[in-house]
């Protein structure tokens, strides 16, 4: 389960038990960290958009998640998979590939 999902579920559970404040603070800290990471690594996000975003891969620079290290980062993107035609993107350098 994603940490964000876990923290949100804890907010709901504590709402029901009546001790909500601590869970909301933990969720808020996590959300602040996500926003700070996105701003701190804006250059890597924009680079990912320029290199990989196309009709099959969507990267929203203002809403993405990023997992960065000293060497680079993983930037969240959405990969389009059609239900109807069986065509999906494989690797950006290869373009679309039929499966």
C-alpha atoms as a PDB file:
ATOM      1  CA  UNK A   1       0.000   0.000   0.000  1.00  0.00           C
ATOM      2  CA  UNK A   2       1.279   3.475  -0.828  1.00  0.00           C
ATOM      3  CA  UNK A   3       2.398   5.543   2.162  1.00  0.00           C
ATOM      4  CA  UNK A   4      -0.004   8.300   1.129  1.00  0.00           C
ATOM      5  CA  UNK A   5      -2.878   5.821   1.041  1.00  0.00           C
ATOM      6  CA  UNK A   6      -1.863   4.410   4.420  1.00  0.00           C
ATOM      7  CA  UNK A   7      -1.744   7.871   5.997  1.00  0.00           C
ATOM      8  CA  UNK A   8      -5.147   8.770   4.551  1.00  0.00           C
ATOM      9  CA  UNK A   9      -6.647   5.527   5.868  1.00  0.00           C
ATOM     10  CA  UNK A  10      -5.200   6.327   9.305  1.00  0.00           C
ATOM     11  CA  UNK A  11      -6.958   9.727   9.196  1.00  0.00           C
ATOM     12  CA  UNK A  12     -10.266   7.966   8.526  1.00  0.00           C
ATOM     13  CA  UNK A  13      -9.648   5.384  11.265  1.00  0.00           C
ATOM     14  CA  UNK A  14      -8.751   8.048  13.823  1.00  0.00           C
ATOM     15  CA  UNK A  15     -11.756  10.141  12.808  1.00  0.00           C
ATOM     16  CA  UNK A  16     -13.905   7.193  13.790  1.00  0.00           C
ATOM     17  CA  UNK A  17     -12.025   6.754  17.109  1.00  0.00           C
ATOM     18  CA  UNK A  18     -12.009  10.466  17.896  1.00  0.00           C
ATOM     19  CA  UNK A  19      -8.220  11.100  17.957  1.00  0.00           C
ATOM     20  CA  UNK A  20      -7.805  12.742  14.577  1.00  0.00           C
ATOM     21  CA  UNK A  21      -5.224  15.498  15.141  1.00  0.00           C
ATOM     22  CA  UNK A  22      -2.033  13.402  15.142  1.00  0.00           C
ATOM     23  CA  UNK A  23      -3.009  11.504  11.983  1.00  0.00           C
ATOM     24  CA  UNK A  24      -3.839  14.753  10.178  1.00  0.00           C
ATOM     25  CA  UNK A  25      -0.460  16.223  11.189  1.00  0.00           C
ATOM     26  CA  UNK A  26       1.368  13.135   9.851  1.00  0.00           C
ATOM     27  CA  UNK A  27      -0.578  13.302   6.589  1.00  0.00           C
ATOM     28  CA  UNK A  28       0.122  17.032   6.271  1.00  0.00           C
ATOM     29  CA  UNK A  29       3.866  16.516   6.814  1.00  0.00           C
ATOM     30  CA  UNK A  30       3.937  13.849   4.131  1.00  0.00           C
ATOM     31  CA  UNK A  31       2.024  16.059   1.668  1.00  0.00           C
ATOM     32  CA  UNK A  32       4.395  18.962   2.381  1.00  0.00           C
ATOM     33  CA  UNK A  33       7.341  16.669   1.660  1.00  0.00           C
ATOM     34  CA  UNK A  34       5.828  15.625  -1.666  1.00  0.00           C
ATOM     35  CA  UNK A  35       5.354  19.270  -2.677  1.00  0.00           C
ATOM     36  CA  UNK A  36       8.875  20.218  -1.555  1.00  0.00           C
ATOM     37  CA  UNK A  37      10.405  17.320  -3.507  1.00  0.00           C
ATOM     38  CA  UNK A  38       8.475  18.360  -6.608  1.00  0.00           C
ATOM     39  CA  UNK A  39       9.812  21.929  -6.340  1.00  0.00           C
ATOM     40  CA  UNK A  40      13.361  20.903  -5.424  1.00  0.00           C
ATOM     41  CA  UNK A  41      13.579  18.604  -8.449  1.00  0.00           C
ATOM     42  CA  UNK A  42      11.534  20.676 -10.909  1.00  0.00           C
ATOM     43  CA  UNK A  43      14.432  20.503 -13.394  1.00  0.00           C
ATOM     44  CA  UNK A  44      14.374  16.688 -13.441  1.00  0.00           C
ATOM     45  CA  UNK A  45      10.599  16.659 -13.827  1.00  0.00           C
ATOM     46  CA  UNK A  46      10.755  19.067 -16.757  1.00  0.00           C
ATOM     47  CA  UNK A  47      13.504  16.965 -18.308  1.00  0.00           C
ATOM     48  CA  UNK A  48      11.347  13.836 -17.966  1.00  0.00           C
ATOM     49  CA  UNK A  49       8.454  15.666 -19.635  1.00  0.00           C
ATOM     50  CA  UNK A  50      10.697  16.734 -22.509  1.00  0.00           C
ATOM     51  CA  UNK A  51      12.226  13.284 -22.984  1.00  0.00           C
ATOM     52  CA  UNK A  52       9.293  10.935 -22.428  1.00  0.00           C
ATOM     53  CA  UNK A  53       5.902  12.663 -22.525  1.00  0.00           C
ATOM     54  CA  UNK A  54       3.949  11.847 -25.694  1.00  0.00           C
ATOM     55  CA  UNK A  55       0.530  10.560 -26.733  1.00  0.00           C
ATOM     56  CA  UNK A  56       1.089   7.384 -24.668  1.00  0.00           C
ATOM     57  CA  UNK A  57       2.917   8.747 -21.630  1.00  0.00           C
ATOM     58  CA  UNK A  58       1.482  11.615 -19.554  1.00  0.00           C
ATOM     59  CA  UNK A  59       3.669  13.406 -16.990  1.00  0.00           C
ATOM     60  CA  UNK A  60       1.929  16.241 -15.156  1.00  0.00           C
ATOM     61  CA  UNK A  61       4.779  18.459 -13.930  1.00  0.00           C
ATOM     62  CA  UNK A  62       2.574  20.115 -11.299  1.00  0.00           C
ATOM     63  CA  UNK A  63       1.095  16.925  -9.852  1.00  0.00           C
ATOM     64  CA  UNK A  64       3.695  14.204 -10.300  1.00  0.00           C
ATOM     65  CA  UNK A  65       5.426  12.259  -7.556  1.00  0.00           C
ATOM     66  CA  UNK A  66       9.197  12.011  -7.581  1.00  0.00           C
ATOM     67  CA  UNK A  67      11.651   9.682  -5.863  1.00  0.00           C
ATOM     68  CA  UNK A  68      15.053  11.325  -6.131  1.00  0.00           C
ATOM     69  CA  UNK A  69      18.582  10.280  -5.285  1.00  0.00           C
ATOM     70  CA  UNK A  70      21.985  11.868  -5.851  1.00  0.00           C
ATOM     71  CA  UNK A  71      22.249  10.274  -9.303  1.00  0.00           C
ATOM     72  CA  UNK A  72      18.783  11.168 -10.650  1.00  0.00           C
ATOM     73  CA  UNK A  73      15.138  10.465  -9.995  1.00  0.00           C
ATOM     74  CA  UNK A  74      12.114   8.376 -10.763  1.00  0.00           C
ATOM     75  CA  UNK A  75       9.347  10.664 -12.007  1.00  0.00           C
ATOM     76  CA  UNK A  76       5.787   9.364 -11.982  1.00  0.00           C
ATOM     77  CA  UNK A  77       4.053   9.200 -15.323  1.00  0.00           C
ATOM     78  CA  UNK A  78       0.874   7.657 -16.635  1.00  0.00           C
ATOM     79  CA  UNK A  79       1.165   5.096 -19.423  1.00  0.00           C
ATOM     80  CA  UNK A  80      -1.849   4.898 -21.742  1.00  0.00           C
ATOM     81  CA  UNK A  81      -3.047   1.346 -22.437  1.00  0.00           C
ATOM     82  CA  UNK A  82      -5.973   1.031 -24.848  1.00  0.00           C
ATOM     83  CA  UNK A  83      -8.609  -1.616 -24.211  1.00  0.00           C
ATOM     84  CA  UNK A  84      -9.663  -1.726 -27.847  1.00  0.00           C
ATOM     85  CA  UNK A  85      -6.677  -1.932 -30.163  1.00  0.00           C
ATOM     86  CA  UNK A  86      -4.029  -3.853 -28.222  1.00  0.00           C
ATOM     87  CA  UNK A  87      -1.376  -1.197 -28.961  1.00  0.00           C
ATOM     88  CA  UNK A  88       0.701  -0.004 -26.016  1.00  0.00           C
ATOM     89  CA  UNK A  89       3.879   2.017 -25.683  1.00  0.00           C
ATOM     90  CA  UNK A  90       6.943  -0.080 -24.944  1.00  0.00           C
ATOM     91  CA  UNK A  91      10.085   2.027 -24.678  1.00  0.00           C
ATOM     92  CA  UNK A  92      10.013   5.679 -25.739  1.00  0.00           C
ATOM     93  CA  UNK A  93      12.851   5.105 -28.196  1.00  0.00           C
ATOM     94  CA  UNK A  94      10.923   2.252 -29.871  1.00  0.00           C
ATOM     95  CA  UNK A  95       7.538   3.992 -30.113  1.00  0.00           C
ATOM     96  CA  UNK A  96       4.267   2.042 -29.994  1.00  0.00           C
ATOM     97  CA  UNK A  97       4.387  -1.718 -30.247  1.00  0.00           C
ATOM     98  CA  UNK A  98       1.543  -4.122 -30.963  1.00  0.00           C
ATOM     99  CA  UNK A  99       1.011  -6.939 -28.470  1.00  0.00           C
END
